[in-house]
Amino acid sequence: MTSALVDERFKDIVASIGRRAPDIPGSTASILAALLGLAMGKMAIAVSDDGGNRFSDARRRLDELSEQLTVSADRDRRHFRRYLDVLSEEPSDHEAADDSGLHEAQAQATEEPLAAAHLIVKGLELFRDVAGSIDRKVASDLHSGASVLSAAFCGAMMAAEINLRHQVAMRRRTFGERADLYRRRGAALEQLEKVAADLDFRY
């Protein structure tokens, strides 16, 4: 699939992230990092499959997650840009009752990182499910990819948490959802760390 963001040259993406006024926000950068983490695991799975179909379902699911995160990255940057545009137009009092445009932009800028976090956790859970069957010579790539996914998850969730400071209702509504995401991430990492320990790897 094509993506305006993913199709950019890597050096341009890095430069855009590192600006004082970035064109790519931290949440989008985290989603892009997750795509790299998934790719590392995909390679490890492909090598371990050795031309067979033992991991066909895992490879299919990875392709789906990669496509969904690619769409999410584009959408997240688009919401970020809209949020900045609205901030430049709205009054400084963000709690004003008539700031409907601002509230909508804030909601979109929060919902997308949360949606991405769900996809990233699914990636971690997929890695957990196959970790014990990965060829030892590429196991480091799977576990490195999992580490990248874990960091990407943190980045996406932190972006959401920052925006939730201005959205009391959404913060309350998503409390259970966010707690469950952290729980699932922790459970997946716990199992991955056990498999990694047998290979003398540390997270």
C-alpha atoms as a PDB file:
ATOM      1  CA  MET A   1       0.000   0.000   0.000  1.00  0.00           C
ATOM      2  CA  THR A   2       1.077   3.592  -0.536  1.00  0.00           C
ATOM      3  CA  SER A   3       1.520   6.119   2.242  1.00  0.00           C
ATOM      4  CA  ALA A   4       2.503   9.755   1.941  1.00  0.00           C
ATOM      5  CA  LEU A   5       4.446   9.487   5.197  1.00  0.00           C
ATOM      6  CA  VAL A   6       6.025   6.037   4.901  1.00  0.00           C
ATOM      7  CA  ASP A   7       7.043   6.741   1.306  1.00  0.00           C
ATOM      8  CA  GLU A   8       9.198   9.681   2.417  1.00  0.00           C
ATOM      9  CA  ARG A   9      12.953   9.194   2.565  1.00  0.00           C
ATOM     10  CA  PHE A  10      14.147   8.093   5.974  1.00  0.00           C
ATOM     11  CA  LYS A  11      16.566  10.986   6.392  1.00  0.00           C
ATOM     12  CA  ASP A  12      13.742  13.434   5.686  1.00  0.00           C
ATOM     13  CA  ILE A  13      11.565  11.757   8.302  1.00  0.00           C
ATOM     14  CA  VAL A  14      14.352  11.935  10.890  1.00  0.00           C
ATOM     15  CA  ALA A  15      15.007  15.583  10.074  1.00  0.00           C
ATOM     16  CA  SER A  16      11.308  16.407  10.348  1.00  0.00           C
ATOM     17  CA  ILE A  17      11.019  14.758  13.769  1.00  0.00           C
ATOM     18  CA  GLY A  18      14.056  16.605  15.140  1.00  0.00           C
ATOM     19  CA  ARG A  19      12.924  20.139  14.376  1.00  0.00           C
ATOM     20  CA  ARG A  20      12.017  22.685  17.032  1.00  0.00           C
ATOM     21  CA  ALA A  21       8.575  22.780  15.406  1.00  0.00           C
ATOM     22  CA  PRO A  22       8.310  19.191  14.115  1.00  0.00           C
ATOM     23  CA  ASP A  23       6.155  18.239  11.172  1.00  0.00           C
ATOM     24  CA  ILE A  24       5.996  14.703  12.566  1.00  0.00           C
ATOM     25  CA  PRO A  25       4.936  14.536  16.237  1.00  0.00           C
ATOM     26  CA  GLY A  26       6.226  12.082  18.826  1.00  0.00           C
ATOM     27  CA  SER A  27       3.125   9.924  18.529  1.00  0.00           C
ATOM     28  CA  THR A  28       3.629   9.494  14.779  1.00  0.00           C
ATOM     29  CA  ALA A  29       7.342   8.842  15.299  1.00  0.00           C
ATOM     30  CA  SER A  30       6.406   6.110  17.765  1.00  0.00           C
ATOM     31  CA  ILE A  31       4.080   4.504  15.236  1.00  0.00           C
ATOM     32  CA  LEU A  32       6.863   4.571  12.633  1.00  0.00           C
ATOM     33  CA  ALA A  33       9.182   2.922  15.174  1.00  0.00           C
ATOM     34  CA  ALA A  34       6.567   0.222  15.695  1.00  0.00           C
ATOM     35  CA  LEU A  35       6.644  -0.496  11.965  1.00  0.00           C
ATOM     36  CA  LEU A  36      10.399  -1.066  12.218  1.00  0.00           C
ATOM     37  CA  GLY A  37       9.895  -3.372  15.195  1.00  0.00           C
ATOM     38  CA  LEU A  38       7.305  -5.408  13.318  1.00  0.00           C
ATOM     39  CA  ALA A  39       9.651  -5.675  10.333  1.00  0.00           C
ATOM     40  CA  MET A  40      12.417  -7.090  12.539  1.00  0.00           C
ATOM     41  CA  GLY A  41      10.071  -9.759  13.850  1.00  0.00           C
ATOM     42  CA  LYS A  42       8.783 -10.461  10.364  1.00  0.00           C
ATOM     43  CA  MET A  43      12.303 -11.214   9.185  1.00  0.00           C
ATOM     44  CA  ALA A  44      12.930 -13.565  12.101  1.00  0.00           C
ATOM     45  CA  ILE A  45       9.679 -15.378  11.389  1.00  0.00           C
ATOM     46  CA  ALA A  46      10.423 -15.633   7.661  1.00  0.00           C
ATOM     47  CA  VAL A  47      13.863 -17.153   8.320  1.00  0.00           C
ATOM     48  CA  SER A  48      12.436 -19.555  10.885  1.00  0.00           C
ATOM     49  CA  ASP A  49       9.710 -20.643   8.460  1.00  0.00           C
ATOM     50  CA  ASP A  50      12.398 -21.673   5.955  1.00  0.00           C
ATOM     51  CA  GLY A  51      10.034 -21.645   2.993  1.00  0.00           C
ATOM     52  CA  GLY A  52       7.296 -23.553   4.816  1.00  0.00           C
ATOM     53  CA  ASN A  53       3.865 -22.623   6.118  1.00  0.00           C
ATOM     54  CA  ARG A  54       4.425 -23.130   9.837  1.00  0.00           C
ATOM     55  CA  PHE A  55       4.176 -19.387  10.460  1.00  0.00           C
ATOM     56  CA  SER A  56       1.760 -18.515   7.661  1.00  0.00           C
ATOM     57  CA  ASP A  57      -0.873 -17.204  10.059  1.00  0.00           C
ATOM     58  CA  ALA A  58       1.674 -15.129  11.990  1.00  0.00           C
ATOM     59  CA  ARG A  59       3.033 -13.642   8.767  1.00  0.00           C
ATOM     60  CA  ARG A  60      -0.469 -12.790   7.599  1.00  0.00           C
ATOM     61  CA  ARG A  61      -1.264 -11.096  10.903  1.00  0.00           C
ATOM     62  CA  LEU A  62       2.001  -9.151  10.774  1.00  0.00           C
ATOM     63  CA  ASP A  63       1.176  -7.903   7.286  1.00  0.00           C
ATOM     64  CA  GLU A  64      -2.241  -6.765   8.503  1.00  0.00           C
ATOM     65  CA  LEU A  65      -0.776  -4.977  11.521  1.00  0.00           C
ATOM     66  CA  SER A  66       1.830  -3.271   9.344  1.00  0.00           C
ATOM     67  CA  GLU A  67      -0.834  -2.011   6.969  1.00  0.00           C
ATOM     68  CA  GLN A  68      -3.013  -0.787   9.828  1.00  0.00           C
ATOM     69  CA  LEU A  69      -0.107   1.023  11.506  1.00  0.00           C
ATOM     70  CA  THR A  70       0.896   2.605   8.197  1.00  0.00           C
ATOM     71  CA  VAL A  71      -2.606   4.050   7.896  1.00  0.00           C
ATOM     72  CA  SER A  72      -2.481   5.082  11.550  1.00  0.00           C
ATOM     73  CA  ALA A  73       0.792   6.977  11.075  1.00  0.00           C
ATOM     74  CA  ASP A  74      -0.646   9.059   8.239  1.00  0.00           C
ATOM     75  CA  ARG A  75      -3.850   9.703  10.155  1.00  0.00           C
ATOM     76  CA  ASP A  76      -1.996  10.627  13.337  1.00  0.00           C
ATOM     77  CA  ARG A  77       0.136  13.227  11.597  1.00  0.00           C
ATOM     78  CA  ARG A  78      -2.954  14.618   9.895  1.00  0.00           C
ATOM     79  CA  HIS A  79      -4.733  14.976  13.261  1.00  0.00           C
ATOM     80  CA  PHE A  80      -1.632  16.588  14.760  1.00  0.00           C
ATOM     81  CA  ARG A  81      -1.520  19.178  11.993  1.00  0.00           C
ATOM     82  CA  ARG A  82      -5.209  19.937  12.422  1.00  0.00           C
ATOM     83  CA  TYR A  83      -4.761  20.270  16.184  1.00  0.00           C
ATOM     84  CA  LEU A  84      -1.979  22.824  15.664  1.00  0.00           C
ATOM     85  CA  ASP A  85      -4.108  24.715  13.147  1.00  0.00           C
ATOM     86  CA  VAL A  86      -7.010  24.890  15.579  1.00  0.00           C
ATOM     87  CA  LEU A  87      -4.748  25.980  18.444  1.00  0.00           C
ATOM     88  CA  SER A  88      -3.520  28.865  16.349  1.00  0.00           C
ATOM     89  CA  GLU A  89      -7.097  30.009  15.796  1.00  0.00           C
ATOM     90  CA  GLU A  90      -8.835  29.312  19.102  1.00  0.00           C
ATOM     91  CA  PRO A  91      -8.582  31.512  22.226  1.00  0.00           C
ATOM     92  CA  SER A  92      -6.086  30.498  24.897  1.00  0.00           C
ATOM     93  CA  ASP A  93      -8.808  29.355  27.286  1.00  0.00           C
ATOM     94  CA  HIS A  94      -9.130  25.703  26.233  1.00  0.00           C
ATOM     95  CA  GLU A  95     -11.946  25.067  28.642  1.00  0.00           C
ATOM     96  CA  ALA A  96     -14.312  27.560  27.055  1.00  0.00           C
ATOM     97  CA  ALA A  97     -17.678  25.979  26.385  1.00  0.00           C
ATOM     98  CA  ASP A  98     -17.772  27.074  22.765  1.00  0.00           C
ATOM     99  CA  ASP A  99     -14.387  25.596  21.821  1.00  0.00           C
ATOM    100  CA  SER A 100     -16.019  22.725  19.934  1.00  0.00           C
ATOM    101  CA  GLY A 101     -13.410  22.771  17.179  1.00  0.00           C
ATOM    102  CA  LEU A 102     -10.598  22.533  19.697  1.00  0.00           C
ATOM    103  CA  HIS A 103     -12.262  19.712  21.634  1.00  0.00           C
ATOM    104  CA  GLU A 104     -12.801  17.727  18.445  1.00  0.00           C
ATOM    105  CA  ALA A 105      -9.179  18.212  17.383  1.00  0.00           C
ATOM    106  CA  GLN A 106      -7.968  17.188  20.846  1.00  0.00           C
ATOM    107  CA  ALA A 107     -10.121  14.075  20.760  1.00  0.00           C
ATOM    108  CA  GLN A 108      -8.785  13.008  17.373  1.00  0.00           C
ATOM    109  CA  ALA A 109      -5.193  13.674  18.434  1.00  0.00           C
ATOM    110  CA  THR A 110      -5.803  11.432  21.447  1.00  0.00           C
ATOM    111  CA  GLU A 111      -7.824   8.629  19.897  1.00  0.00           C
ATOM    112  CA  GLU A 112      -5.285   7.834  17.181  1.00  0.00           C
ATOM    113  CA  PRO A 113      -2.317   7.148  19.504  1.00  0.00           C
ATOM    114  CA  LEU A 114      -4.619   4.977  21.620  1.00  0.00           C
ATOM    115  CA  ALA A 115      -5.738   3.060  18.545  1.00  0.00           C
ATOM    116  CA  ALA A 116      -2.100   2.619  17.536  1.00  0.00           C
ATOM    117  CA  ALA A 117      -1.259   1.341  21.021  1.00  0.00           C
ATOM    118  CA  HIS A 118      -3.866  -1.399  20.569  1.00  0.00           C
ATOM    119  CA  LEU A 119      -2.165  -2.488  17.338  1.00  0.00           C
ATOM    120  CA  ILE A 120       1.287  -2.378  18.916  1.00  0.00           C
ATOM    121  CA  VAL A 121       0.148  -4.583  21.795  1.00  0.00           C
ATOM    122  CA  LYS A 122      -1.227  -7.069  19.274  1.00  0.00           C
ATOM    123  CA  GLY A 123       2.231  -7.124  17.702  1.00  0.00           C
ATOM    124  CA  LEU A 124       3.856  -7.835  21.060  1.00  0.00           C
ATOM    125  CA  GLU A 125       1.369 -10.614  21.740  1.00  0.00           C
ATOM    126  CA  LEU A 126       2.074 -12.126  18.317  1.00  0.00           C
ATOM    127  CA  PHE A 127       5.822 -12.065  19.029  1.00  0.00           C
ATOM    128  CA  ARG A 128       5.154 -13.692  22.386  1.00  0.00           C
ATOM    129  CA  ASP A 129       3.172 -16.484  20.734  1.00  0.00           C
ATOM    130  CA  VAL A 130       5.946 -17.395  18.273  1.00  0.00           C
ATOM    131  CA  ALA A 131       9.036 -16.608  20.372  1.00  0.00           C
ATOM    132  CA  GLY A 132       9.602 -20.190  21.497  1.00  0.00           C
ATOM    133  CA  SER A 133       9.635 -21.455  17.904  1.00  0.00           C
ATOM    134  CA  ILE A 134      12.011 -18.922  16.360  1.00  0.00           C
ATOM    135  CA  ASP A 135      15.354 -20.119  14.982  1.00  0.00           C
ATOM    136  CA  ARG A 136      18.055 -19.272  17.519  1.00  0.00           C
ATOM    137  CA  LYS A 137      20.221 -17.543  14.927  1.00  0.00           C
ATOM    138  CA  VAL A 138      17.557 -14.870  14.368  1.00  0.00           C
ATOM    139  CA  ALA A 139      15.964 -14.872  17.819  1.00  0.00           C
ATOM    140  CA  SER A 140      17.819 -11.661  18.685  1.00  0.00           C
ATOM    141  CA  ASP A 141      15.976  -9.910  15.849  1.00  0.00           C
ATOM    142  CA  LEU A 142      12.583 -10.962  17.185  1.00  0.00           C
ATOM    143  CA  HIS A 143      13.428  -9.861  20.729  1.00  0.00           C
ATOM    144  CA  SER A 144      15.010  -6.627  19.513  1.00  0.00           C
ATOM    145  CA  GLY A 145      11.852  -5.981  17.513  1.00  0.00           C
ATOM    146  CA  ALA A 146       9.786  -6.630  20.625  1.00  0.00           C
ATOM    147  CA  SER A 147      11.878  -4.099  22.545  1.00  0.00           C
ATOM    148  CA  VAL A 148      11.266  -1.534  19.822  1.00  0.00           C
ATOM    149  CA  LEU A 149       7.540  -2.285  19.933  1.00  0.00           C
ATOM    150  CA  SER A 150       7.514  -1.828  23.701  1.00  0.00           C
ATOM    151  CA  ALA A 151       9.204   1.572  23.403  1.00  0.00           C
ATOM    152  CA  ALA A 152       6.823   2.544  20.595  1.00  0.00           C
ATOM    153  CA  PHE A 153       3.897   1.597  22.818  1.00  0.00           C
ATOM    154  CA  CYS A 154       5.202   3.895  25.555  1.00  0.00           C
ATOM    155  CA  GLY A 155       5.566   6.751  23.083  1.00  0.00           C
ATOM    156  CA  ALA A 156       2.030   6.359  21.781  1.00  0.00           C
ATOM    157  CA  MET A 157       0.559   6.107  25.271  1.00  0.00           C
ATOM    158  CA  MET A 158       2.490   9.119  26.550  1.00  0.00           C
ATOM    159  CA  ALA A 159       1.173  11.186  23.659  1.00  0.00           C
ATOM    160  CA  ALA A 160      -2.355  10.124  24.526  1.00  0.00           C
ATOM    161  CA  GLU A 161      -1.831  10.827  28.232  1.00  0.00           C
ATOM    162  CA  ILE A 162      -0.615  14.363  27.522  1.00  0.00           C
ATOM    163  CA  ASN A 163      -3.714  15.147  25.484  1.00  0.00           C
ATOM    164  CA  LEU A 164      -6.002  13.546  28.066  1.00  0.00           C
ATOM    165  CA  ARG A 165      -4.958  16.167  30.616  1.00  0.00           C
ATOM    166  CA  HIS A 166      -7.305  18.565  28.832  1.00  0.00           C
ATOM    167  CA  GLN A 167     -10.130  16.046  28.392  1.00  0.00           C
ATOM    168  CA  VAL A 168     -11.614  15.004  31.707  1.00  0.00           C
ATOM    169  CA  ALA A 169     -14.523  13.034  30.256  1.00  0.00           C
ATOM    170  CA  MET A 170     -12.354  11.067  27.840  1.00  0.00           C
ATOM    171  CA  ARG A 171      -9.766  10.440  30.531  1.00  0.00           C
ATOM    172  CA  ARG A 172     -12.437   8.845  32.708  1.00  0.00           C
ATOM    173  CA  ARG A 173     -14.004   6.962  29.817  1.00  0.00           C
ATOM    174  CA  THR A 174     -10.709   5.443  28.666  1.00  0.00           C
ATOM    175  CA  PHE A 175      -9.321   4.645  32.124  1.00  0.00           C
ATOM    176  CA  GLY A 176     -10.141   0.945  31.933  1.00  0.00           C
ATOM    177  CA  GLU A 177      -9.029   0.707  28.316  1.00  0.00           C
ATOM    178  CA  ARG A 178      -5.646   2.238  29.091  1.00  0.00           C
ATOM    179  CA  ALA A 179      -5.151   0.063  32.164  1.00  0.00           C
ATOM    180  CA  ASP A 180      -5.889  -3.048  30.098  1.00  0.00           C
ATOM    181  CA  LEU A 181      -3.393  -2.005  27.426  1.00  0.00           C
ATOM    182  CA  TYR A 182      -0.645  -1.632  30.033  1.00  0.00           C
ATOM    183  CA  ARG A 183      -1.608  -5.000  31.540  1.00  0.00           C
ATOM    184  CA  ARG A 184      -1.464  -6.773  28.178  1.00  0.00           C
ATOM    185  CA  ARG A 185       1.857  -5.176  27.309  1.00  0.00           C
ATOM    186  CA  GLY A 186       3.301  -6.255  30.661  1.00  0.00           C
ATOM    187  CA  ALA A 187       2.025  -9.816  30.290  1.00  0.00           C
ATOM    188  CA  ALA A 188       3.459 -10.164  26.786  1.00  0.00           C
ATOM    189  CA  LEU A 189       6.823  -8.751  27.827  1.00  0.00           C
ATOM    190  CA  GLU A 190       6.981 -11.038  30.857  1.00  0.00           C
ATOM    191  CA  GLN A 191       6.685 -14.111  28.639  1.00  0.00           C
ATOM    192  CA  LEU A 192       9.098 -12.740  26.057  1.00  0.00           C
ATOM    193  CA  GLU A 193      11.662 -12.022  28.767  1.00  0.00           C
ATOM    194  CA  LYS A 194      11.449 -15.641  29.956  1.00  0.00           C
ATOM    195  CA  VAL A 195      12.161 -16.957  26.471  1.00  0.00           C
ATOM    196  CA  ALA A 196      14.938 -14.390  26.009  1.00  0.00           C
ATOM    197  CA  ALA A 197      16.575 -15.380  29.306  1.00  0.00           C
ATOM    198  CA  ASP A 198      17.098 -18.914  27.996  1.00  0.00           C
ATOM    199  CA  LEU A 199      19.130 -17.355  25.173  1.00  0.00           C
ATOM    200  CA  ASP A 200      21.066 -15.088  27.540  1.00  0.00           C
ATOM    201  CA  PHE A 201      19.250 -12.015  26.212  1.00  0.00           C
ATOM    202  CA  ARG A 202      18.073  -9.224  28.484  1.00  0.00           C
ATOM    203  CA  TYR A 203      15.317  -6.683  27.898  1.00  0.00           C
END
